[in-house]
Amino acid sequence: MAAKKPDPPVAAPRFLTLAQVGEVLNISVSHTYALVRSGDLKGIQIGGRNQWRVEGSKLEEYIADAYVRTAASLTQPPEVLPDPDCLGSFSRASSSLL
């Protein structure tokens, strides 16, 4: 009996729906829609009934940019120091180390 050839890899779709983008980012469809409408995430509107699509490469660019923004924000000191009362047991435990 001849060995079965493996199935060829399935190519990822070029365009994703807002629901699919939301799944990738683990956010709601409405949050995804807000990202597209604000221009933070590049998308295109198909037809006239709020049918939006996001190209896979644009989603990857958005994710890469989010990493850069996050890294930049972590290198800057916070503008407002946290309220010690909001830190709960963490602040009490860390103050005993001082």
PDB file of N, CA and C in Angstrom:
ATOM      1  N   MET A   1       0.845  -1.170   0.000  1.00  0.00           N
ATOM      2  CA  MET A   1       0.000   0.000   0.000  1.00  0.00           C
ATOM      3  C   MET A   1       0.899   1.245   0.000  1.00  0.00           C
ATOM      4  N   ALA A   2       0.588   2.210  -0.862  1.00  0.00           N
ATOM      5  CA  ALA A   2       1.394   3.429  -0.994  1.00  0.00           C
ATOM      6  C   ALA A   2       1.109   4.380   0.168  1.00  0.00           C
ATOM      7  N   ALA A   3       2.150   5.094   0.558  1.00  0.00           N
ATOM      8  CA  ALA A   3       1.990   6.071   1.641  1.00  0.00           C
ATOM      9  C   ALA A   3       1.153   7.242   1.150  1.00  0.00           C
ATOM     10  N   LYS A   4       0.292   7.724   2.029  1.00  0.00           N
ATOM     11  CA  LYS A   4      -0.564   8.849   1.680  1.00  0.00           C
ATOM     12  C   LYS A   4       0.246  10.137   1.737  1.00  0.00           C
ATOM     13  N   LYS A   5       0.093  10.964   0.711  1.00  0.00           N
ATOM     14  CA  LYS A   5       0.772  12.251   0.688  1.00  0.00           C
ATOM     15  C   LYS A   5       0.089  13.191   1.670  1.00  0.00           C
ATOM     16  N   PRO A   6       0.880  13.993   2.380  1.00  0.00           N
ATOM     17  CA  PRO A   6       0.260  14.955   3.306  1.00  0.00           C
ATOM     18  C   PRO A   6      -0.498  16.024   2.522  1.00  0.00           C
ATOM     19  N   ASP A   7      -1.551  16.533   3.145  1.00  0.00           N
ATOM     20  CA  ASP A   7      -2.326  17.597   2.518  1.00  0.00           C
ATOM     21  C   ASP A   7      -1.461  18.856   2.427  1.00  0.00           C
ATOM     22  N   PRO A   8      -1.612  19.608   1.337  1.00  0.00           N
ATOM     23  CA  PRO A   8      -0.840  20.846   1.233  1.00  0.00           C
ATOM     24  C   PRO A   8      -1.321  21.847   2.285  1.00  0.00           C
ATOM     25  N   PRO A   9      -0.440  22.713   2.744  1.00  0.00           N
ATOM     26  CA  PRO A   9      -0.855  23.695   3.758  1.00  0.00           C
ATOM     27  C   PRO A   9      -1.932  24.616   3.200  1.00  0.00           C
ATOM     28  N   VAL A  10      -2.858  24.980   4.055  1.00  0.00           N
ATOM     29  CA  VAL A  10      -3.934  25.869   3.660  1.00  0.00           C
ATOM     30  C   VAL A  10      -3.461  27.300   3.868  1.00  0.00           C
ATOM     31  N   ALA A  11      -3.562  28.107   2.828  1.00  0.00           N
ATOM     32  CA  ALA A  11      -3.129  29.496   2.926  1.00  0.00           C
ATOM     33  C   ALA A  11      -4.109  30.287   3.784  1.00  0.00           C
ATOM     34  N   ALA A  12      -3.572  31.183   4.572  1.00  0.00           N
ATOM     35  CA  ALA A  12      -4.422  32.055   5.388  1.00  0.00           C
ATOM     36  C   ALA A  12      -5.155  33.010   4.453  1.00  0.00           C
ATOM     37  N   PRO A  13      -6.387  33.359   4.799  1.00  0.00           N
ATOM     38  CA  PRO A  13      -7.108  34.297   3.939  1.00  0.00           C
ATOM     39  C   PRO A  13      -6.427  35.662   3.951  1.00  0.00           C
ATOM     40  N   ARG A  14      -6.514  36.369   2.834  1.00  0.00           N
ATOM     41  CA  ARG A  14      -5.884  37.690   2.744  1.00  0.00           C
ATOM     42  C   ARG A  14      -6.593  38.696   3.645  1.00  0.00           C
ATOM     43  N   PHE A  15      -7.921  38.616   3.684  1.00  0.00           N
ATOM     44  CA  PHE A  15      -8.697  39.565   4.469  1.00  0.00           C
ATOM     45  C   PHE A  15      -9.413  38.858   5.608  1.00  0.00           C
ATOM     46  N   LEU A  16      -9.520  39.555   6.740  1.00  0.00           N
ATOM     47  CA  LEU A  16     -10.197  39.032   7.917  1.00  0.00           C
ATOM     48  C   LEU A  16     -11.398  39.903   8.228  1.00  0.00           C
ATOM     49  N   THR A  17     -12.449  39.293   8.737  1.00  0.00           N
ATOM     50  CA  THR A  17     -13.595  40.062   9.214  1.00  0.00           C
ATOM     51  C   THR A  17     -13.227  40.702  10.548  1.00  0.00           C
ATOM     52  N   LEU A  18     -14.055  41.639  10.992  1.00  0.00           N
ATOM     53  CA  LEU A  18     -13.792  42.263  12.283  1.00  0.00           C
ATOM     54  C   LEU A  18     -13.904  41.245  13.412  1.00  0.00           C
ATOM     55  N   ALA A  19     -14.799  40.281  13.262  1.00  0.00           N
ATOM     56  CA  ALA A  19     -14.920  39.229  14.275  1.00  0.00           C
ATOM     57  C   ALA A  19     -13.643  38.395  14.347  1.00  0.00           C
ATOM     58  N   GLN A  20     -13.060  38.084  13.191  1.00  0.00           N
ATOM     59  CA  GLN A  20     -11.820  37.305  13.175  1.00  0.00           C
ATOM     60  C   GLN A  20     -10.665  38.096  13.784  1.00  0.00           C
ATOM     61  N   VAL A  21     -10.606  39.396  13.475  1.00  0.00           N
ATOM     62  CA  VAL A  21      -9.566  40.252  14.059  1.00  0.00           C
ATOM     63  C   VAL A  21      -9.745  40.304  15.570  1.00  0.00           C
ATOM     64  N   GLY A  22     -10.992  40.442  16.014  1.00  0.00           N
ATOM     65  CA  GLY A  22     -11.276  40.463  17.445  1.00  0.00           C
ATOM     66  C   GLY A  22     -10.821  39.195  18.134  1.00  0.00           C
ATOM     67  N   GLU A  23     -10.995  38.063  17.465  1.00  0.00           N
ATOM     68  CA  GLU A  23     -10.539  36.786  18.044  1.00  0.00           C
ATOM     69  C   GLU A  23      -9.029  36.774  18.188  1.00  0.00           C
ATOM     70  N   VAL A  24      -8.330  37.254  17.169  1.00  0.00           N
ATOM     71  CA  VAL A  24      -6.864  37.274  17.219  1.00  0.00           C
ATOM     72  C   VAL A  24      -6.377  38.160  18.362  1.00  0.00           C
ATOM     73  N   LEU A  25      -7.000  39.332  18.513  1.00  0.00           N
ATOM     74  CA  LEU A  25      -6.573  40.290  19.535  1.00  0.00           C
ATOM     75  C   LEU A  25      -7.242  40.058  20.888  1.00  0.00           C
ATOM     76  N   ASN A  26      -8.192  39.132  20.924  1.00  0.00           N
ATOM     77  CA  ASN A  26      -8.953  38.833  22.140  1.00  0.00           C
ATOM     78  C   ASN A  26      -9.695  40.076  22.651  1.00  0.00           C
ATOM     79  N   ILE A  27     -10.368  40.755  21.710  1.00  0.00           N
ATOM     80  CA  ILE A  27     -11.189  41.923  22.029  1.00  0.00           C
ATOM     81  C   ILE A  27     -12.542  41.753  21.359  1.00  0.00           C
ATOM     82  N   SER A  28     -13.495  42.582  21.735  1.00  0.00           N
ATOM     83  CA  SER A  28     -14.838  42.486  21.167  1.00  0.00           C
ATOM     84  C   SER A  28     -14.869  43.029  19.739  1.00  0.00           C
ATOM     85  N   VAL A  29     -15.920  42.660  19.030  1.00  0.00           N
ATOM     86  CA  VAL A  29     -16.107  43.167  17.666  1.00  0.00           C
ATOM     87  C   VAL A  29     -16.286  44.686  17.705  1.00  0.00           C
ATOM     88  N   SER A  30     -16.998  45.198  18.705  1.00  0.00           N
ATOM     89  CA  SER A  30     -17.203  46.648  18.783  1.00  0.00           C
ATOM     90  C   SER A  30     -15.892  47.385  19.035  1.00  0.00           C
ATOM     91  N   HIS A  31     -15.010  46.797  19.825  1.00  0.00           N
ATOM     92  CA  HIS A  31     -13.695  47.411  20.042  1.00  0.00           C
ATOM     93  C   HIS A  31     -12.883  47.362  18.751  1.00  0.00           C
ATOM     94  N   THR A  32     -12.960  46.268  18.016  1.00  0.00           N
ATOM     95  CA  THR A  32     -12.271  46.146  16.735  1.00  0.00           C
ATOM     96  C   THR A  32     -12.791  47.197  15.761  1.00  0.00           C
ATOM     97  N   TYR A  33     -14.113  47.363  15.720  1.00  0.00           N
ATOM     98  CA  TYR A  33     -14.736  48.369  14.861  1.00  0.00           C
ATOM     99  C   TYR A  33     -14.223  49.761  15.220  1.00  0.00           C
ATOM    100  N   ALA A  34     -14.117  50.054  16.510  1.00  0.00           N
ATOM    101  CA  ALA A  34     -13.620  51.357  16.951  1.00  0.00           C
ATOM    102  C   ALA A  34     -12.169  51.572  16.504  1.00  0.00           C
ATOM    103  N   LEU A  35     -11.348  50.537  16.551  1.00  0.00           N
ATOM    104  CA  LEU A  35      -9.954  50.652  16.095  1.00  0.00           C
ATOM    105  C   LEU A  35      -9.886  50.975  14.611  1.00  0.00           C
ATOM    106  N   VAL A  36     -10.759  50.330  13.825  1.00  0.00           N
ATOM    107  CA  VAL A  36     -10.779  50.570  12.381  1.00  0.00           C
ATOM    108  C   VAL A  36     -11.313  51.968  12.085  1.00  0.00           C
ATOM    109  N   ARG A  37     -12.400  52.344  12.731  1.00  0.00           N
ATOM    110  CA  ARG A  37     -13.007  53.658  12.478  1.00  0.00           C
ATOM    111  C   ARG A  37     -12.070  54.803  12.881  1.00  0.00           C
ATOM    112  N   SER A  38     -11.275  54.605  13.927  1.00  0.00           N
ATOM    113  CA  SER A  38     -10.348  55.651  14.371  1.00  0.00           C
ATOM    114  C   SER A  38      -9.118  55.739  13.472  1.00  0.00           C
ATOM    115  N   GLY A  39      -8.877  54.709  12.673  1.00  0.00           N
ATOM    116  CA  GLY A  39      -7.694  54.687  11.819  1.00  0.00           C
ATOM    117  C   GLY A  39      -6.487  54.049  12.471  1.00  0.00           C
ATOM    118  N   ASP A  40      -6.620  53.639  13.729  1.00  0.00           N
ATOM    119  CA  ASP A  40      -5.498  52.967  14.401  1.00  0.00           C
ATOM    120  C   ASP A  40      -5.164  51.652  13.712  1.00  0.00           C
ATOM    121  N   LEU A  41      -6.192  50.951  13.269  1.00  0.00           N
ATOM    122  CA  LEU A  41      -6.042  49.689  12.546  1.00  0.00           C
ATOM    123  C   LEU A  41      -6.576  49.916  11.145  1.00  0.00           C
ATOM    124  N   LYS A  42      -5.739  49.710  10.152  1.00  0.00           N
ATOM    125  CA  LYS A  42      -6.139  49.955   8.767  1.00  0.00           C
ATOM    126  C   LYS A  42      -7.085  48.868   8.279  1.00  0.00           C
ATOM    127  N   GLY A  43      -8.213  49.306   7.725  1.00  0.00           N
ATOM    128  CA  GLY A  43      -9.192  48.376   7.174  1.00  0.00           C
ATOM    129  C   GLY A  43      -9.859  49.002   5.969  1.00  0.00           C
ATOM    130  N   ILE A  44     -10.634  48.191   5.272  1.00  0.00           N
ATOM    131  CA  ILE A  44     -11.379  48.693   4.124  1.00  0.00           C
ATOM    132  C   ILE A  44     -12.844  48.348   4.297  1.00  0.00           C
ATOM    133  N   GLN A  45     -13.697  49.227   3.761  1.00  0.00           N
ATOM    134  CA  GLN A  45     -15.131  48.980   3.819  1.00  0.00           C
ATOM    135  C   GLN A  45     -15.569  48.396   2.487  1.00  0.00           C
ATOM    136  N   ILE A  46     -16.277  47.296   2.558  1.00  0.00           N
ATOM    137  CA  ILE A  46     -16.775  46.606   1.381  1.00  0.00           C
ATOM    138  C   ILE A  46     -18.283  46.812   1.335  1.00  0.00           C
ATOM    139  N   GLY A  47     -18.788  47.351   0.277  1.00  0.00           N
ATOM    140  CA  GLY A  47     -20.228  47.568   0.187  1.00  0.00           C
ATOM    141  C   GLY A  47     -20.671  48.695   1.105  1.00  0.00           C
ATOM    142  N   GLY A  48     -21.966  48.841   1.244  1.00  0.00           N
ATOM    143  CA  GLY A  48     -22.476  49.944   2.026  1.00  0.00           C
ATOM    144  C   GLY A  48     -23.111  49.547   3.335  1.00  0.00           C
ATOM    145  N   ARG A  49     -22.957  48.316   3.741  1.00  0.00           N
ATOM    146  CA  ARG A  49     -23.635  47.842   4.949  1.00  0.00           C
ATOM    147  C   ARG A  49     -22.674  47.545   6.087  1.00  0.00           C
ATOM    148  N   ASN A  50     -21.702  48.427   6.274  1.00  0.00           N
ATOM    149  CA  ASN A  50     -20.714  48.265   7.345  1.00  0.00           C
ATOM    150  C   ASN A  50     -19.989  46.928   7.298  1.00  0.00           C
ATOM    151  N   GLN A  51     -19.675  46.485   6.120  1.00  0.00           N
ATOM    152  CA  GLN A  51     -18.876  45.278   5.955  1.00  0.00           C
ATOM    153  C   GLN A  51     -17.410  45.698   5.874  1.00  0.00           C
ATOM    154  N   TRP A  52     -16.682  45.468   6.948  1.00  0.00           N
ATOM    155  CA  TRP A  52     -15.280  45.862   7.014  1.00  0.00           C
ATOM    156  C   TRP A  52     -14.388  44.637   6.924  1.00  0.00           C
ATOM    157  N   ARG A  53     -13.221  44.821   6.322  1.00  0.00           N
ATOM    158  CA  ARG A  53     -12.215  43.775   6.253  1.00  0.00           C
ATOM    159  C   ARG A  53     -10.861  44.374   6.587  1.00  0.00           C
ATOM    160  N   VAL A  54     -10.030  43.574   7.217  1.00  0.00           N
ATOM    161  CA  VAL A  54      -8.668  43.978   7.579  1.00  0.00           C
ATOM    162  C   VAL A  54      -7.720  42.978   6.937  1.00  0.00           C
ATOM    163  N   GLU A  55      -6.768  43.501   6.198  1.00  0.00           N
ATOM    164  CA  GLU A  55      -5.773  42.634   5.567  1.00  0.00           C
ATOM    165  C   GLU A  55      -4.860  42.060   6.646  1.00  0.00           C
ATOM    166  N   GLY A  56      -4.510  40.798   6.507  1.00  0.00           N
ATOM    167  CA  GLY A  56      -3.665  40.132   7.496  1.00  0.00           C
ATOM    168  C   GLY A  56      -2.370  40.883   7.767  1.00  0.00           C
ATOM    169  N   SER A  57      -1.762  41.427   6.717  1.00  0.00           N
ATOM    170  CA  SER A  57      -0.499  42.162   6.893  1.00  0.00           C
ATOM    171  C   SER A  57      -0.713  43.446   7.697  1.00  0.00           C
ATOM    172  N   LYS A  58      -1.879  44.086   7.547  1.00  0.00           N
ATOM    173  CA  LYS A  58      -2.169  45.306   8.315  1.00  0.00           C
ATOM    174  C   LYS A  58      -2.376  44.976   9.790  1.00  0.00           C
ATOM    175  N   LEU A  59      -2.985  43.823  10.060  1.00  0.00           N
ATOM    176  CA  LEU A  59      -3.146  43.388  11.446  1.00  0.00           C
ATOM    177  C   LEU A  59      -1.775  43.123  12.068  1.00  0.00           C
ATOM    178  N   GLU A  60      -0.888  42.470  11.333  1.00  0.00           N
ATOM    179  CA  GLU A  60       0.459  42.208  11.844  1.00  0.00           C
ATOM    180  C   GLU A  60       1.209  43.512  12.089  1.00  0.00           C
ATOM    181  N   GLU A  61       1.040  44.514  11.212  1.00  0.00           N
ATOM    182  CA  GLU A  61       1.664  45.818  11.419  1.00  0.00           C
ATOM    183  C   GLU A  61       1.129  46.476  12.689  1.00  0.00           C
ATOM    184  N   TYR A  62      -0.185  46.395  12.902  1.00  0.00           N
ATOM    185  CA  TYR A  62      -0.796  46.971  14.099  1.00  0.00           C
ATOM    186  C   TYR A  62      -0.225  46.316  15.358  1.00  0.00           C
ATOM    187  N   ILE A  63      -0.094  45.005  15.333  1.00  0.00           N
ATOM    188  CA  ILE A  63       0.448  44.285  16.491  1.00  0.00           C
ATOM    189  C   ILE A  63       1.900  44.696  16.736  1.00  0.00           C
ATOM    190  N   ALA A  64       2.707  44.785  15.681  1.00  0.00           N
ATOM    191  CA  ALA A  64       4.105  45.201  15.826  1.00  0.00           C
ATOM    192  C   ALA A  64       4.189  46.613  16.391  1.00  0.00           C
ATOM    193  N   ASP A  65       3.329  47.518  15.897  1.00  0.00           N
ATOM    194  CA  ASP A  65       3.307  48.894  16.410  1.00  0.00           C
ATOM    195  C   ASP A  65       2.886  48.919  17.880  1.00  0.00           C
ATOM    196  N   ALA A  66       1.963  48.048  18.260  1.00  0.00           N
ATOM    197  CA  ALA A  66       1.517  47.989  19.654  1.00  0.00           C
ATOM    198  C   ALA A  66       2.667  47.581  20.565  1.00  0.00           C
ATOM    199  N   TYR A  67       3.510  46.660  20.104  1.00  0.00           N
ATOM    200  CA  TYR A  67       4.686  46.279  20.892  1.00  0.00           C
ATOM    201  C   TYR A  67       5.630  47.470  21.066  1.00  0.00           C
ATOM    202  N   VAL A  68       5.831  48.247  19.995  1.00  0.00           N
ATOM    203  CA  VAL A  68       6.714  49.415  20.065  1.00  0.00           C
ATOM    204  C   VAL A  68       6.137  50.449  21.029  1.00  0.00           C
ATOM    205  N   ARG A  69       4.819  50.735  20.924  1.00  0.00           N
ATOM    206  CA  ARG A  69       4.182  51.704  21.824  1.00  0.00           C
ATOM    207  C   ARG A  69       4.277  51.246  23.281  1.00  0.00           C
ATOM    208  N   THR A  70       4.068  49.965  23.508  1.00  0.00           N
ATOM    209  CA  THR A  70       4.126  49.437  24.872  1.00  0.00           C
ATOM    210  C   THR A  70       5.540  49.561  25.438  1.00  0.00           C
ATOM    211  N   ALA A  71       6.532  49.192  24.645  1.00  0.00           N
ATOM    212  CA  ALA A  71       7.920  49.279  25.105  1.00  0.00           C
ATOM    213  C   ALA A  71       8.288  50.724  25.421  1.00  0.00           C
ATOM    214  N   ALA A  72       7.841  51.663  24.579  1.00  0.00           N
ATOM    215  CA  ALA A  72       8.142  53.077  24.813  1.00  0.00           C
ATOM    216  C   ALA A  72       7.471  53.567  26.094  1.00  0.00           C
ATOM    217  N   SER A  73       6.252  53.129  26.333  1.00  0.00           N
ATOM    218  CA  SER A  73       5.547  53.590  27.534  1.00  0.00           C
ATOM    219  C   SER A  73       6.160  52.993  28.798  1.00  0.00           C
ATOM    220  N   LEU A  74       6.780  51.841  28.694  1.00  0.00           N
ATOM    221  CA  LEU A  74       7.393  51.219  29.862  1.00  0.00           C
ATOM    222  C   LEU A  74       8.727  51.855  30.228  1.00  0.00           C
ATOM    223  N   THR A  75       9.351  52.536  29.287  1.00  0.00           N
ATOM    224  CA  THR A  75      10.628  53.184  29.565  1.00  0.00           C
ATOM    225  C   THR A  75      10.437  54.559  30.180  1.00  0.00           C
ATOM    226  N   GLN A  76       9.212  55.097  30.130  1.00  0.00           N
ATOM    227  CA  GLN A  76       8.913  56.412  30.683  1.00  0.00           C
ATOM    228  C   GLN A  76       8.313  56.239  32.079  1.00  0.00           C
ATOM    229  N   PRO A  77       8.670  57.125  33.015  1.00  0.00           N
ATOM    230  CA  PRO A  77       8.043  57.033  34.345  1.00  0.00           C
ATOM    231  C   PRO A  77       6.554  57.366  34.234  1.00  0.00           C
ATOM    232  N   PRO A  78       5.741  56.796  35.100  1.00  0.00           N
ATOM    233  CA  PRO A  78       4.310  57.094  35.041  1.00  0.00           C
ATOM    234  C   PRO A  78       4.059  58.568  35.335  1.00  0.00           C
ATOM    235  N   GLU A  79       3.048  59.130  34.659  1.00  0.00           N
ATOM    236  CA  GLU A  79       2.720  60.534  34.873  1.00  0.00           C
ATOM    237  C   GLU A  79       2.117  60.760  36.256  1.00  0.00           C
ATOM    238  N   VAL A  80       1.390  59.784  36.745  1.00  0.00           N
ATOM    239  CA  VAL A  80       0.751  59.876  38.050  1.00  0.00           C
ATOM    240  C   VAL A  80       1.148  58.653  38.850  1.00  0.00           C
ATOM    241  N   LEU A  81       1.643  58.871  40.049  1.00  0.00           N
ATOM    242  CA  LEU A  81       1.998  57.737  40.898  1.00  0.00           C
ATOM    243  C   LEU A  81       0.730  57.085  41.430  1.00  0.00           C
ATOM    244  N   PRO A  82       0.725  55.763  41.557  1.00  0.00           N
ATOM    245  CA  PRO A  82      -0.468  55.088  42.059  1.00  0.00           C
ATOM    246  C   PRO A  82      -0.744  55.463  43.514  1.00  0.00           C
ATOM    247  N   ASP A  83      -2.007  55.481  43.859  1.00  0.00           N
ATOM    248  CA  ASP A  83      -2.442  55.756  45.227  1.00  0.00           C
ATOM    249  C   ASP A  83      -2.084  54.544  46.081  1.00  0.00           C
ATOM    250  N   PRO A  84      -1.327  54.705  47.165  1.00  0.00           N
ATOM    251  CA  PRO A  84      -0.937  53.554  47.997  1.00  0.00           C
ATOM    252  C   PRO A  84      -2.144  52.783  48.539  1.00  0.00           C
ATOM    253  N   ASP A  85      -3.250  53.487  48.776  1.00  0.00           N
ATOM    254  CA  ASP A  85      -4.449  52.799  49.280  1.00  0.00           C
ATOM    255  C   ASP A  85      -5.035  51.844  48.251  1.00  0.00           C
ATOM    256  N   CYS A  86      -4.778  52.111  46.975  1.00  0.00           N
ATOM    257  CA  CYS A  86      -5.311  51.252  45.914  1.00  0.00           C
ATOM    258  C   CYS A  86      -4.467  50.002  45.718  1.00  0.00           C
ATOM    259  N   LEU A  87      -3.259  50.000  46.253  1.00  0.00           N
ATOM    260  CA  LEU A  87      -2.370  48.860  46.060  1.00  0.00           C
ATOM    261  C   LEU A  87      -2.669  47.717  47.017  1.00  0.00           C
ATOM    262  N   GLY A  88      -3.429  47.968  48.053  1.00  0.00           N
ATOM    263  CA  GLY A  88      -3.840  46.908  48.969  1.00  0.00           C
ATOM    264  C   GLY A  88      -2.680  46.267  49.677  1.00  0.00           C
ATOM    265  N   SER A  89      -2.706  44.942  49.763  1.00  0.00           N
ATOM    266  CA  SER A  89      -1.702  44.202  50.520  1.00  0.00           C
ATOM    267  C   SER A  89      -0.320  44.310  49.899  1.00  0.00           C
ATOM    268  N   PHE A  90      -0.251  44.588  48.599  1.00  0.00           N
ATOM    269  CA  PHE A  90       1.041  44.719  47.949  1.00  0.00           C
ATOM    270  C   PHE A  90       1.827  45.868  48.576  1.00  0.00           C
ATOM    271  N   SER A  91       1.181  47.021  48.791  1.00  0.00           N
ATOM    272  CA  SER A  91       1.902  48.166  49.331  1.00  0.00           C
ATOM    273  C   SER A  91       2.318  47.911  50.764  1.00  0.00           C
ATOM    274  N   ARG A  92       1.474  47.235  51.541  1.00  0.00           N
ATOM    275  CA  ARG A  92       1.829  46.926  52.922  1.00  0.00           C
ATOM    276  C   ARG A  92       3.005  45.955  52.961  1.00  0.00           C
ATOM    277  N   ALA A  93       2.983  44.963  52.086  1.00  0.00           N
ATOM    278  CA  ALA A  93       4.070  43.979  52.075  1.00  0.00           C
ATOM    279  C   ALA A  93       5.369  44.628  51.633  1.00  0.00           C
ATOM    280  N   SER A  94       5.313  45.482  50.603  1.00  0.00           N
ATOM    281  CA  SER A  94       6.536  46.081  50.108  1.00  0.00           C
ATOM    282  C   SER A  94       7.064  47.136  51.084  1.00  0.00           C
ATOM    283  N   SER A  95       6.154  47.823  51.826  1.00  0.00           N
ATOM    284  CA  SER A  95       6.641  48.824  52.764  1.00  0.00           C
ATOM    285  C   SER A  95       7.355  48.163  53.946  1.00  0.00           C
ATOM    286  N   SER A  96       7.015  46.926  54.264  1.00  0.00           N
ATOM    287  CA  SER A  96       7.698  46.257  55.364  1.00  0.00           C
ATOM    288  C   SER A  96       9.113  45.848  54.965  1.00  0.00           C
ATOM    289  N   LEU A  97       9.378  45.846  53.648  1.00  0.00           N
ATOM    290  CA  LEU A  97      10.714  45.501  53.176  1.00  0.00           C
ATOM    291  C   LEU A  97      11.653  46.681  53.260  1.00  0.00           C
ATOM    292  N   LEU A  98      11.112  47.895  53.402  1.00  0.00           N
ATOM    293  CA  LEU A  98      11.936  49.108  53.414  1.00  0.00           C
ATOM    294  C   LEU A  98      12.631  49.314  54.720  1.00  0.00           C
TER     295      LEU A  98
END
